[in-house]
Amino acid sequence: MSYKGVEYREANRDGEATTTQLNLTYLKNAIDTYTHEIREGKLDTCVAWSNRGLCKLNLGIANKDRATIESAIEDFHTALKECTNPGEACETSRNSLVLAEQAINTIFRQQHS
């Protein structure tokens, strides 16, 4: 898998890269990239915050990590605050907030049953 021209590989105990490991590595690197682009002002801030939130949401769900999902929720709120030209990123953030809350409720309920 390649992201911005860099190849990322993780291996299972047999030395083969697994799809899950590659996807999680991709998400972690994408979060770092969006963080950098937010700091540098390289992307529309609403889009950057929304995309970073989506990466965190997916990573948090995959790892069943409430803190990461809550961090994604913060990113979606920031994206909506930064929204100067309502469009797809704003709509994605609004919809993702609902999904993130559902994920927290589902994961938290499963952990306590």
PDB file of N, CA and C in Angstrom:
ATOM      1  N   MET A   1       0.838  -1.160   0.000  1.00  0.00           N
ATOM      2  CA  MET A   1       0.000   0.000   0.000  1.00  0.00           C
ATOM      3  C   MET A   1       0.887   1.228   0.000  1.00  0.00           C
ATOM      4  N   SER A   2       0.454   2.236  -0.683  1.00  0.00           N
ATOM      5  CA  SER A   2       1.275   3.409  -0.734  1.00  0.00           C
ATOM      6  C   SER A   2       0.431   4.632  -0.409  1.00  0.00           C
ATOM      7  N   TYR A   3       1.003   5.522   0.331  1.00  0.00           N
ATOM      8  CA  TYR A   3       0.334   6.763   0.700  1.00  0.00           C
ATOM      9  C   TYR A   3       1.339   7.878   0.515  1.00  0.00           C
ATOM     10  N   LYS A   4       0.999   8.801  -0.364  1.00  0.00           N
ATOM     11  CA  LYS A   4       1.906   9.910  -0.696  1.00  0.00           C
ATOM     12  C   LYS A   4       3.283   9.393  -1.093  1.00  0.00           C
ATOM     13  N   GLY A   5       3.314   8.308  -1.862  1.00  0.00           N
ATOM     14  CA  GLY A   5       4.562   7.802  -2.390  1.00  0.00           C
ATOM     15  C   GLY A   5       5.404   7.004  -1.420  1.00  0.00           C
ATOM     16  N   VAL A   6       4.911   6.752  -0.228  1.00  0.00           N
ATOM     17  CA  VAL A   6       5.669   5.985   0.749  1.00  0.00           C
ATOM     18  C   VAL A   6       4.970   4.647   0.945  1.00  0.00           C
ATOM     19  N   GLU A   7       5.719   3.600   0.956  1.00  0.00           N
ATOM     20  CA  GLU A   7       5.126   2.281   1.119  1.00  0.00           C
ATOM     21  C   GLU A   7       5.156   1.879   2.580  1.00  0.00           C
ATOM     22  N   TYR A   8       4.010   1.411   3.074  1.00  0.00           N
ATOM     23  CA  TYR A   8       3.892   0.973   4.460  1.00  0.00           C
ATOM     24  C   TYR A   8       3.563  -0.506   4.469  1.00  0.00           C
ATOM     25  N   ARG A   9       4.293  -1.264   5.248  1.00  0.00           N
ATOM     26  CA  ARG A   9       4.030  -2.690   5.359  1.00  0.00           C
ATOM     27  C   ARG A   9       4.149  -3.110   6.813  1.00  0.00           C
ATOM     28  N   GLU A  10       3.208  -3.948   7.202  1.00  0.00           N
ATOM     29  CA  GLU A  10       3.296  -4.609   8.497  1.00  0.00           C
ATOM     30  C   GLU A  10       3.105  -6.085   8.201  1.00  0.00           C
ATOM     31  N   ALA A  11       3.696  -6.920   8.993  1.00  0.00           N
ATOM     32  CA  ALA A  11       3.622  -8.346   8.705  1.00  0.00           C
ATOM     33  C   ALA A  11       2.990  -9.097   9.873  1.00  0.00           C
ATOM     34  N   ASN A  12       2.283 -10.173   9.525  1.00  0.00           N
ATOM     35  CA  ASN A  12       1.798 -11.066  10.576  1.00  0.00           C
ATOM     36  C   ASN A  12       2.946 -11.993  10.947  1.00  0.00           C
ATOM     37  N   ARG A  13       2.712 -12.965  11.809  1.00  0.00           N
ATOM     38  CA  ARG A  13       3.842 -13.780  12.278  1.00  0.00           C
ATOM     39  C   ARG A  13       4.449 -14.652  11.180  1.00  0.00           C
ATOM     40  N   ASP A  14       3.718 -14.840  10.072  1.00  0.00           N
ATOM     41  CA  ASP A  14       4.279 -15.588   8.945  1.00  0.00           C
ATOM     42  C   ASP A  14       5.002 -14.672   7.962  1.00  0.00           C
ATOM     43  N   GLY A  15       5.082 -13.401   8.291  1.00  0.00           N
ATOM     44  CA  GLY A  15       5.780 -12.469   7.421  1.00  0.00           C
ATOM     45  C   GLY A  15       4.915 -11.890   6.316  1.00  0.00           C
ATOM     46  N   GLU A  16       3.601 -12.156   6.350  1.00  0.00           N
ATOM     47  CA  GLU A  16       2.708 -11.633   5.315  1.00  0.00           C
ATOM     48  C   GLU A  16       1.957 -10.427   5.852  1.00  0.00           C
ATOM     49  N   ALA A  17       1.869  -9.408   5.045  1.00  0.00           N
ATOM     50  CA  ALA A  17       1.126  -8.221   5.445  1.00  0.00           C
ATOM     51  C   ALA A  17      -0.358  -8.554   5.450  1.00  0.00           C
ATOM     52  N   THR A  18      -1.059  -8.145   6.481  1.00  0.00           N
ATOM     53  CA  THR A  18      -2.495  -8.395   6.544  1.00  0.00           C
ATOM     54  C   THR A  18      -3.246  -7.134   6.144  1.00  0.00           C
ATOM     55  N   THR A  19      -4.421  -7.320   5.562  1.00  0.00           N
ATOM     56  CA  THR A  19      -5.227  -6.181   5.128  1.00  0.00           C
ATOM     57  C   THR A  19      -5.560  -5.276   6.301  1.00  0.00           C
ATOM     58  N   THR A  20      -5.942  -5.854   7.422  1.00  0.00           N
ATOM     59  CA  THR A  20      -6.289  -5.035   8.589  1.00  0.00           C
ATOM     60  C   THR A  20      -5.100  -4.203   9.042  1.00  0.00           C
ATOM     61  N   GLN A  21      -3.935  -4.830   9.133  1.00  0.00           N
ATOM     62  CA  GLN A  21      -2.747  -4.087   9.567  1.00  0.00           C
ATOM     63  C   GLN A  21      -2.415  -2.972   8.586  1.00  0.00           C
ATOM     64  N   LEU A  22      -2.523  -3.247   7.294  1.00  0.00           N
ATOM     65  CA  LEU A  22      -2.227  -2.222   6.301  1.00  0.00           C
ATOM     66  C   LEU A  22      -3.226  -1.075   6.390  1.00  0.00           C
ATOM     67  N   ASN A  23      -4.501  -1.404   6.572  1.00  0.00           N
ATOM     68  CA  ASN A  23      -5.513  -0.359   6.671  1.00  0.00           C
ATOM     69  C   ASN A  23      -5.308   0.504   7.914  1.00  0.00           C
ATOM     70  N   LEU A  24      -4.982  -0.114   9.041  1.00  0.00           N
ATOM     71  CA  LEU A  24      -4.752   0.651  10.262  1.00  0.00           C
ATOM     72  C   LEU A  24      -3.520   1.542  10.122  1.00  0.00           C
ATOM     73  N   THR A  25      -2.481   1.026   9.485  1.00  0.00           N
ATOM     74  CA  THR A  25      -1.279   1.824   9.247  1.00  0.00           C
ATOM     75  C   THR A  25      -1.606   2.996   8.325  1.00  0.00           C
ATOM     76  N   TYR A  26      -2.381   2.736   7.296  1.00  0.00           N
ATOM     77  CA  TYR A  26      -2.791   3.789   6.369  1.00  0.00           C
ATOM     78  C   TYR A  26      -3.547   4.888   7.122  1.00  0.00           C
ATOM     79  N   LEU A  27      -4.498   4.486   7.980  1.00  0.00           N
ATOM     80  CA  LEU A  27      -5.289   5.467   8.728  1.00  0.00           C
ATOM     81  C   LEU A  27      -4.408   6.308   9.644  1.00  0.00           C
ATOM     82  N   LYS A  28      -3.468   5.665  10.335  1.00  0.00           N
ATOM     83  CA  LYS A  28      -2.577   6.401  11.242  1.00  0.00           C
ATOM     84  C   LYS A  28      -1.752   7.425  10.461  1.00  0.00           C
ATOM     85  N   ASN A  29      -1.251   7.020   9.309  1.00  0.00           N
ATOM     86  CA  ASN A  29      -0.449   7.935   8.497  1.00  0.00           C
ATOM     87  C   ASN A  29      -1.302   9.044   7.889  1.00  0.00           C
ATOM     88  N   ALA A  30      -2.533   8.728   7.521  1.00  0.00           N
ATOM     89  CA  ALA A  30      -3.437   9.744   6.977  1.00  0.00           C
ATOM     90  C   ALA A  30      -3.760  10.785   8.049  1.00  0.00           C
ATOM     91  N   ILE A  31      -3.967  10.347   9.290  1.00  0.00           N
ATOM     92  CA  ILE A  31      -4.228  11.281  10.397  1.00  0.00           C
ATOM     93  C   ILE A  31      -3.048  12.238  10.547  1.00  0.00           C
ATOM     94  N   ASP A  32      -1.836  11.703  10.507  1.00  0.00           N
ATOM     95  CA  ASP A  32      -0.637  12.547  10.608  1.00  0.00           C
ATOM     96  C   ASP A  32      -0.567  13.544   9.452  1.00  0.00           C
ATOM     97  N   THR A  33      -0.908  13.086   8.258  1.00  0.00           N
ATOM     98  CA  THR A  33      -0.864  13.953   7.083  1.00  0.00           C
ATOM     99  C   THR A  33      -1.881  15.078   7.201  1.00  0.00           C
ATOM    100  N   TYR A  34      -3.111  14.747   7.588  1.00  0.00           N
ATOM    101  CA  TYR A  34      -4.125  15.797   7.746  1.00  0.00           C
ATOM    102  C   TYR A  34      -3.757  16.769   8.854  1.00  0.00           C
ATOM    103  N   THR A  35      -3.177  16.266   9.935  1.00  0.00           N
ATOM    104  CA  THR A  35      -2.732  17.137  11.023  1.00  0.00           C
ATOM    105  C   THR A  35      -1.713  18.140  10.493  1.00  0.00           C
ATOM    106  N   HIS A  36      -0.757  17.647   9.713  1.00  0.00           N
ATOM    107  CA  HIS A  36       0.267  18.513   9.126  1.00  0.00           C
ATOM    108  C   HIS A  36      -0.377  19.536   8.176  1.00  0.00           C
ATOM    109  N   GLU A  37      -1.310  19.080   7.353  1.00  0.00           N
ATOM    110  CA  GLU A  37      -1.931  19.975   6.380  1.00  0.00           C
ATOM    111  C   GLU A  37      -2.807  21.028   7.062  1.00  0.00           C
ATOM    112  N   ILE A  38      -3.397  20.680   8.199  1.00  0.00           N
ATOM    113  CA  ILE A  38      -4.165  21.672   8.963  1.00  0.00           C
ATOM    114  C   ILE A  38      -3.214  22.748   9.483  1.00  0.00           C
ATOM    115  N   ARG A  39      -2.094  22.318  10.061  1.00  0.00           N
ATOM    116  CA  ARG A  39      -1.106  23.273  10.594  1.00  0.00           C
ATOM    117  C   ARG A  39      -0.550  24.179   9.503  1.00  0.00           C
ATOM    118  N   GLU A  40      -0.308  23.589   8.331  1.00  0.00           N
ATOM    119  CA  GLU A  40       0.301  24.332   7.227  1.00  0.00           C
ATOM    120  C   GLU A  40      -0.722  25.126   6.409  1.00  0.00           C
ATOM    121  N   GLY A  41      -2.018  24.894   6.653  1.00  0.00           N
ATOM    122  CA  GLY A  41      -3.051  25.593   5.900  1.00  0.00           C
ATOM    123  C   GLY A  41      -3.113  25.173   4.447  1.00  0.00           C
ATOM    124  N   LYS A  42      -2.747  23.923   4.153  1.00  0.00           N
ATOM    125  CA  LYS A  42      -2.678  23.461   2.769  1.00  0.00           C
ATOM    126  C   LYS A  42      -4.038  23.028   2.205  1.00  0.00           C
ATOM    127  N   LEU A  43      -4.975  22.687   3.060  1.00  0.00           N
ATOM    128  CA  LEU A  43      -6.305  22.268   2.622  1.00  0.00           C
ATOM    129  C   LEU A  43      -7.341  23.212   3.208  1.00  0.00           C
ATOM    130  N   ASP A  44      -8.504  23.243   2.594  1.00  0.00           N
ATOM    131  CA  ASP A  44      -9.644  23.902   3.216  1.00  0.00           C
ATOM    132  C   ASP A  44      -9.800  23.298   4.606  1.00  0.00           C
ATOM    133  N   THR A  45      -9.862  24.126   5.639  1.00  0.00           N
ATOM    134  CA  THR A  45      -9.839  23.586   7.002  1.00  0.00           C
ATOM    135  C   THR A  45     -11.036  22.690   7.300  1.00  0.00           C
ATOM    136  N   CYS A  46     -12.189  23.011   6.768  1.00  0.00           N
ATOM    137  CA  CYS A  46     -13.360  22.164   7.000  1.00  0.00           C
ATOM    138  C   CYS A  46     -13.112  20.764   6.437  1.00  0.00           C
ATOM    139  N   VAL A  47     -12.584  20.697   5.233  1.00  0.00           N
ATOM    140  CA  VAL A  47     -12.299  19.409   4.585  1.00  0.00           C
ATOM    141  C   VAL A  47     -11.231  18.648   5.362  1.00  0.00           C
ATOM    142  N   ALA A  48     -10.168  19.333   5.757  1.00  0.00           N
ATOM    143  CA  ALA A  48      -9.074  18.670   6.474  1.00  0.00           C
ATOM    144  C   ALA A  48      -9.545  18.107   7.810  1.00  0.00           C
ATOM    145  N   TRP A  49     -10.297  18.916   8.579  1.00  0.00           N
ATOM    146  CA  TRP A  49     -10.789  18.436   9.874  1.00  0.00           C
ATOM    147  C   TRP A  49     -11.764  17.276   9.689  1.00  0.00           C
ATOM    148  N   SER A  50     -12.619  17.373   8.688  1.00  0.00           N
ATOM    149  CA  SER A  50     -13.589  16.304   8.423  1.00  0.00           C
ATOM    150  C   SER A  50     -12.886  15.012   8.028  1.00  0.00           C
ATOM    151  N   ASN A  51     -11.908  15.118   7.132  1.00  0.00           N
ATOM    152  CA  ASN A  51     -11.165  13.925   6.697  1.00  0.00           C
ATOM    153  C   ASN A  51     -10.372  13.305   7.844  1.00  0.00           C
ATOM    154  N   ARG A  52      -9.753  14.145   8.668  1.00  0.00           N
ATOM    155  CA  ARG A  52      -9.012  13.620   9.808  1.00  0.00           C
ATOM    156  C   ARG A  52      -9.963  12.922  10.781  1.00  0.00           C
ATOM    157  N   GLY A  53     -11.120  13.511  10.988  1.00  0.00           N
ATOM    158  CA  GLY A  53     -12.122  12.897  11.839  1.00  0.00           C
ATOM    159  C   GLY A  53     -12.575  11.542  11.316  1.00  0.00           C
ATOM    160  N   LEU A  54     -12.764  11.438  10.010  1.00  0.00           N
ATOM    161  CA  LEU A  54     -13.165  10.152   9.418  1.00  0.00           C
ATOM    162  C   LEU A  54     -12.101   9.090   9.639  1.00  0.00           C
ATOM    163  N   CYS A  55     -10.843   9.462   9.492  1.00  0.00           N
ATOM    164  CA  CYS A  55      -9.757   8.505   9.729  1.00  0.00           C
ATOM    165  C   CYS A  55      -9.751   8.062  11.189  1.00  0.00           C
ATOM    166  N   LYS A  56      -9.905   9.028  12.105  1.00  0.00           N
ATOM    167  CA  LYS A  56      -9.922   8.683  13.529  1.00  0.00           C
ATOM    168  C   LYS A  56     -11.129   7.812  13.872  1.00  0.00           C
ATOM    169  N   LEU A  57     -12.276   8.132  13.271  1.00  0.00           N
ATOM    170  CA  LEU A  57     -13.482   7.345  13.539  1.00  0.00           C
ATOM    171  C   LEU A  57     -13.271   5.892  13.122  1.00  0.00           C
ATOM    172  N   ASN A  58     -12.749   5.692  11.936  1.00  0.00           N
ATOM    173  CA  ASN A  58     -12.498   4.319  11.453  1.00  0.00           C
ATOM    174  C   ASN A  58     -11.465   3.603  12.319  1.00  0.00           C
ATOM    175  N   LEU A  59     -10.407   4.299  12.684  1.00  0.00           N
ATOM    176  CA  LEU A  59      -9.369   3.716  13.528  1.00  0.00           C
ATOM    177  C   LEU A  59      -9.937   3.378  14.913  1.00  0.00           C
ATOM    178  N   GLY A  60     -10.717   4.283  15.470  1.00  0.00           N
ATOM    179  CA  GLY A  60     -11.318   4.057  16.775  1.00  0.00           C
ATOM    180  C   GLY A  60     -12.280   2.882  16.787  1.00  0.00           C
ATOM    181  N   ILE A  61     -13.067   2.762  15.723  1.00  0.00           N
ATOM    182  CA  ILE A  61     -13.999   1.633  15.629  1.00  0.00           C
ATOM    183  C   ILE A  61     -13.219   0.325  15.486  1.00  0.00           C
ATOM    184  N   ALA A  62     -12.212   0.331  14.637  1.00  0.00           N
ATOM    185  CA  ALA A  62     -11.419  -0.885  14.422  1.00  0.00           C
ATOM    186  C   ALA A  62     -10.752  -1.359  15.703  1.00  0.00           C
ATOM    187  N   ASN A  63     -10.273  -0.414  16.495  1.00  0.00           N
ATOM    188  CA  ASN A  63      -9.569  -0.751  17.733  1.00  0.00           C
ATOM    189  C   ASN A  63     -10.478  -0.758  18.962  1.00  0.00           C
ATOM    190  N   LYS A  64     -11.754  -0.464  18.739  1.00  0.00           N
ATOM    191  CA  LYS A  64     -12.716  -0.336  19.858  1.00  0.00           C
ATOM    192  C   LYS A  64     -12.154   0.605  20.934  1.00  0.00           C
ATOM    193  N   ASP A  65     -11.689   1.763  20.459  1.00  0.00           N
ATOM    194  CA  ASP A  65     -11.031   2.752  21.306  1.00  0.00           C
ATOM    195  C   ASP A  65     -11.921   3.993  21.437  1.00  0.00           C
ATOM    196  N   ARG A  66     -12.563   4.105  22.566  1.00  0.00           N
ATOM    197  CA  ARG A  66     -13.503   5.207  22.808  1.00  0.00           C
ATOM    198  C   ARG A  66     -12.822   6.572  22.693  1.00  0.00           C
ATOM    199  N   ALA A  67     -11.622   6.702  23.218  1.00  0.00           N
ATOM    200  CA  ALA A  67     -10.923   7.996  23.188  1.00  0.00           C
ATOM    201  C   ALA A  67     -10.667   8.461  21.759  1.00  0.00           C
ATOM    202  N   THR A  68     -10.318   7.544  20.873  1.00  0.00           N
ATOM    203  CA  THR A  68     -10.073   7.913  19.476  1.00  0.00           C
ATOM    204  C   THR A  68     -11.367   8.333  18.801  1.00  0.00           C
ATOM    205  N   ILE A  69     -12.457   7.641  19.106  1.00  0.00           N
ATOM    206  CA  ILE A  69     -13.754   8.023  18.538  1.00  0.00           C
ATOM    207  C   ILE A  69     -14.175   9.393  19.072  1.00  0.00           C
ATOM    208  N   GLU A  70     -13.953   9.635  20.360  1.00  0.00           N
ATOM    209  CA  GLU A  70     -14.283  10.937  20.928  1.00  0.00           C
ATOM    210  C   GLU A  70     -13.423  12.044  20.316  1.00  0.00           C
ATOM    211  N   SER A  71     -12.190  11.734  19.997  1.00  0.00           N
ATOM    212  CA  SER A  71     -11.323  12.693  19.321  1.00  0.00           C
ATOM    213  C   SER A  71     -11.854  12.992  17.913  1.00  0.00           C
ATOM    214  N   ALA A  72     -12.388  11.967  17.249  1.00  0.00           N
ATOM    215  CA  ALA A  72     -13.002  12.166  15.929  1.00  0.00           C
ATOM    216  C   ALA A  72     -14.197  13.105  16.040  1.00  0.00           C
ATOM    217  N   ILE A  73     -14.991  12.929  17.090  1.00  0.00           N
ATOM    218  CA  ILE A  73     -16.148  13.796  17.307  1.00  0.00           C
ATOM    219  C   ILE A  73     -15.703  15.255  17.447  1.00  0.00           C
ATOM    220  N   GLU A  74     -14.615  15.485  18.178  1.00  0.00           N
ATOM    221  CA  GLU A  74     -14.072  16.839  18.316  1.00  0.00           C
ATOM    222  C   GLU A  74     -13.668  17.395  16.954  1.00  0.00           C
ATOM    223  N   ASP A  75     -13.048  16.557  16.117  1.00  0.00           N
ATOM    224  CA  ASP A  75     -12.656  16.998  14.770  1.00  0.00           C
ATOM    225  C   ASP A  75     -13.881  17.369  13.933  1.00  0.00           C
ATOM    226  N   PHE A  76     -14.960  16.581  14.035  1.00  0.00           N
ATOM    227  CA  PHE A  76     -16.175  16.895  13.270  1.00  0.00           C
ATOM    228  C   PHE A  76     -16.790  18.209  13.736  1.00  0.00           C
ATOM    229  N   HIS A  77     -16.780  18.456  15.048  1.00  0.00           N
ATOM    230  CA  HIS A  77     -17.290  19.733  15.561  1.00  0.00           C
ATOM    231  C   HIS A  77     -16.437  20.891  15.053  1.00  0.00           C
ATOM    232  N   THR A  78     -15.124  20.703  15.049  1.00  0.00           N
ATOM    233  CA  THR A  78     -14.225  21.745  14.544  1.00  0.00           C
ATOM    234  C   THR A  78     -14.482  21.982  13.060  1.00  0.00           C
ATOM    235  N   ALA A  79     -14.668  20.908  12.301  1.00  0.00           N
ATOM    236  CA  ALA A  79     -14.950  21.049  10.869  1.00  0.00           C
ATOM    237  C   ALA A  79     -16.200  21.892  10.647  1.00  0.00           C
ATOM    238  N   LEU A  80     -17.220  21.637  11.435  1.00  0.00           N
ATOM    239  CA  LEU A  80     -18.467  22.401  11.278  1.00  0.00           C
ATOM    240  C   LEU A  80     -18.276  23.862  11.660  1.00  0.00           C
ATOM    241  N   LYS A  81     -17.444  24.139  12.667  1.00  0.00           N
ATOM    242  CA  LYS A  81     -17.158  25.526  13.049  1.00  0.00           C
ATOM    243  C   LYS A  81     -16.376  26.251  11.957  1.00  0.00           C
ATOM    244  N   GLU A  82     -15.489  25.507  11.268  1.00  0.00           N
ATOM    245  CA  GLU A  82     -14.631  26.090  10.230  1.00  0.00           C
ATOM    246  C   GLU A  82     -15.345  26.218   8.879  1.00  0.00           C
ATOM    247  N   CYS A  83     -16.524  25.676   8.789  1.00  0.00           N
ATOM    248  CA  CYS A  83     -17.242  25.604   7.520  1.00  0.00           C
ATOM    249  C   CYS A  83     -17.682  26.994   7.073  1.00  0.00           C
ATOM    250  N   THR A  84     -17.063  27.504   6.021  1.00  0.00           N
ATOM    251  CA  THR A  84     -17.423  28.807   5.476  1.00  0.00           C
ATOM    252  C   THR A  84     -18.219  28.678   4.190  1.00  0.00           C
ATOM    253  N   ASN A  85     -18.120  27.532   3.546  1.00  0.00           N
ATOM    254  CA  ASN A  85     -18.834  27.286   2.295  1.00  0.00           C
ATOM    255  C   ASN A  85     -19.518  25.925   2.414  1.00  0.00           C
ATOM    256  N   PRO A  86     -20.727  25.904   2.997  1.00  0.00           N
ATOM    257  CA  PRO A  86     -21.387  24.614   3.244  1.00  0.00           C
ATOM    258  C   PRO A  86     -21.393  23.719   2.008  1.00  0.00           C
ATOM    259  N   GLY A  87     -20.942  22.507   2.219  1.00  0.00           N
ATOM    260  CA  GLY A  87     -20.855  21.561   1.115  1.00  0.00           C
ATOM    261  C   GLY A  87     -20.721  20.153   1.634  1.00  0.00           C
ATOM    262  N   GLU A  88     -20.068  19.334   0.844  1.00  0.00           N
ATOM    263  CA  GLU A  88     -19.956  17.911   1.157  1.00  0.00           C
ATOM    264  C   GLU A  88     -19.231  17.640   2.473  1.00  0.00           C
ATOM    265  N   ALA A  89     -18.150  18.361   2.754  1.00  0.00           N
ATOM    266  CA  ALA A  89     -17.398  18.116   3.996  1.00  0.00           C
ATOM    267  C   ALA A  89     -18.248  18.429   5.217  1.00  0.00           C
ATOM    268  N   CYS A  90     -19.063  19.471   5.133  1.00  0.00           N
ATOM    269  CA  CYS A  90     -19.937  19.819   6.264  1.00  0.00           C
ATOM    270  C   CYS A  90     -21.002  18.742   6.452  1.00  0.00           C
ATOM    271  N   GLU A  91     -21.583  18.296   5.374  1.00  0.00           N
ATOM    272  CA  GLU A  91     -22.597  17.243   5.446  1.00  0.00           C
ATOM    273  C   GLU A  91     -21.987  15.945   5.959  1.00  0.00           C
ATOM    274  N   THR A  92     -20.793  15.630   5.507  1.00  0.00           N
ATOM    275  CA  THR A  92     -20.089  14.432   5.979  1.00  0.00           C
ATOM    276  C   THR A  92     -19.848  14.524   7.478  1.00  0.00           C
ATOM    277  N   SER A  93     -19.435  15.690   7.952  1.00  0.00           N
ATOM    278  CA  SER A  93     -19.177  15.866   9.384  1.00  0.00           C
ATOM    279  C   SER A  93     -20.454  15.692  10.198  1.00  0.00           C
ATOM    280  N   ARG A  94     -21.558  16.273   9.715  1.00  0.00           N
ATOM    281  CA  ARG A  94     -22.829  16.121  10.443  1.00  0.00           C
ATOM    282  C   ARG A  94     -23.245  14.647  10.510  1.00  0.00           C
ATOM    283  N   ASN A  95     -23.169  13.960   9.387  1.00  0.00           N
ATOM    284  CA  ASN A  95     -23.542  12.541   9.354  1.00  0.00           C
ATOM    285  C   ASN A  95     -22.583  11.693  10.181  1.00  0.00           C
ATOM    286  N   SER A  96     -21.314  12.042  10.156  1.00  0.00           N
ATOM    287  CA  SER A  96     -20.307  11.276  10.890  1.00  0.00           C
ATOM    288  C   SER A  96     -20.466  11.432  12.393  1.00  0.00           C
ATOM    289  N   LEU A  97     -20.946  12.592  12.833  1.00  0.00           N
ATOM    290  CA  LEU A  97     -21.212  12.780  14.261  1.00  0.00           C
ATOM    291  C   LEU A  97     -22.240  11.760  14.752  1.00  0.00           C
ATOM    292  N   VAL A  98     -23.269  11.531  13.964  1.00  0.00           N
ATOM    293  CA  VAL A  98     -24.301  10.548  14.321  1.00  0.00           C
ATOM    294  C   VAL A  98     -23.683   9.154  14.374  1.00  0.00           C
ATOM    295  N   LEU A  99     -22.884   8.817  13.366  1.00  0.00           N
ATOM    296  CA  LEU A  99     -22.243   7.498  13.328  1.00  0.00           C
ATOM    297  C   LEU A  99     -21.289   7.308  14.505  1.00  0.00           C
ATOM    298  N   ALA A 100     -20.550   8.348  14.845  1.00  0.00           N
ATOM    299  CA  ALA A 100     -19.595   8.246  15.956  1.00  0.00           C
ATOM    300  C   ALA A 100     -20.321   8.010  17.273  1.00  0.00           C
ATOM    301  N   GLU A 101     -21.417   8.720  17.487  1.00  0.00           N
ATOM    302  CA  GLU A 101     -22.202   8.516  18.717  1.00  0.00           C
ATOM    303  C   GLU A 101     -22.763   7.095  18.761  1.00  0.00           C
ATOM    304  N   GLN A 102     -23.236   6.607  17.622  1.00  0.00           N
ATOM    305  CA  GLN A 102     -23.754   5.235  17.564  1.00  0.00           C
ATOM    306  C   GLN A 102     -22.644   4.225  17.841  1.00  0.00           C
ATOM    307  N   ALA A 103     -21.461   4.485  17.310  1.00  0.00           N
ATOM    308  CA  ALA A 103     -20.326   3.578  17.530  1.00  0.00           C
ATOM    309  C   ALA A 103     -19.976   3.519  19.014  1.00  0.00           C
ATOM    310  N   ILE A 104     -19.916   4.678  19.656  1.00  0.00           N
ATOM    311  CA  ILE A 104     -19.599   4.711  21.090  1.00  0.00           C
ATOM    312  C   ILE A 104     -20.644   3.926  21.875  1.00  0.00           C
ATOM    313  N   ASN A 105     -21.914   4.172  21.574  1.00  0.00           N
ATOM    314  CA  ASN A 105     -22.984   3.475  22.296  1.00  0.00           C
ATOM    315  C   ASN A 105     -22.920   1.971  22.071  1.00  0.00           C
ATOM    316  N   THR A 106     -22.658   1.542  20.847  1.00  0.00           N
ATOM    317  CA  THR A 106     -22.597   0.118  20.535  1.00  0.00           C
ATOM    318  C   THR A 106     -21.384  -0.543  21.176  1.00  0.00           C
ATOM    319  N   ILE A 107     -20.220   0.048  21.017  1.00  0.00           N
ATOM    320  CA  ILE A 107     -18.991  -0.532  21.572  1.00  0.00           C
ATOM    321  C   ILE A 107     -19.047  -0.544  23.094  1.00  0.00           C
ATOM    322  N   PHE A 108     -19.478   0.563  23.680  1.00  0.00           N
ATOM    323  CA  PHE A 108     -19.536   0.646  25.141  1.00  0.00           C
ATOM    324  C   PHE A 108     -20.536  -0.357  25.704  1.00  0.00           C
ATOM    325  N   ARG A 109     -21.677  -0.504  25.043  1.00  0.00           N
ATOM    326  CA  ARG A 109     -22.688  -1.464  25.487  1.00  0.00           C
ATOM    327  C   ARG A 109     -22.140  -2.881  25.393  1.00  0.00           C
ATOM    328  N   GLN A 110     -21.417  -3.201  24.307  1.00  0.00           N
ATOM    329  CA  GLN A 110     -20.859  -4.547  24.122  1.00  0.00           C
ATOM    330  C   GLN A 110     -19.802  -4.856  25.175  1.00  0.00           C
ATOM    331  N   GLN A 111     -19.019  -3.872  25.563  1.00  0.00           N
ATOM    332  CA  GLN A 111     -17.958  -4.086  26.540  1.00  0.00           C
ATOM    333  C   GLN A 111     -18.516  -4.340  27.930  1.00  0.00           C
ATOM    334  N   HIS A 112     -19.732  -3.880  28.179  1.00  0.00           N
ATOM    335  CA  HIS A 112     -20.316  -4.044  29.502  1.00  0.00           C
ATOM    336  C   HIS A 112     -21.402  -5.100  29.562  1.00  0.00           C
ATOM    337  N   SER A 113     -21.570  -5.903  28.487  1.00  0.00           N
ATOM    338  CA  SER A 113     -22.583  -6.959  28.536  1.00  0.00           C
ATOM    339  C   SER A 113     -21.983  -8.296  28.848  1.00  0.00           C
TER     340      SER A 113
END
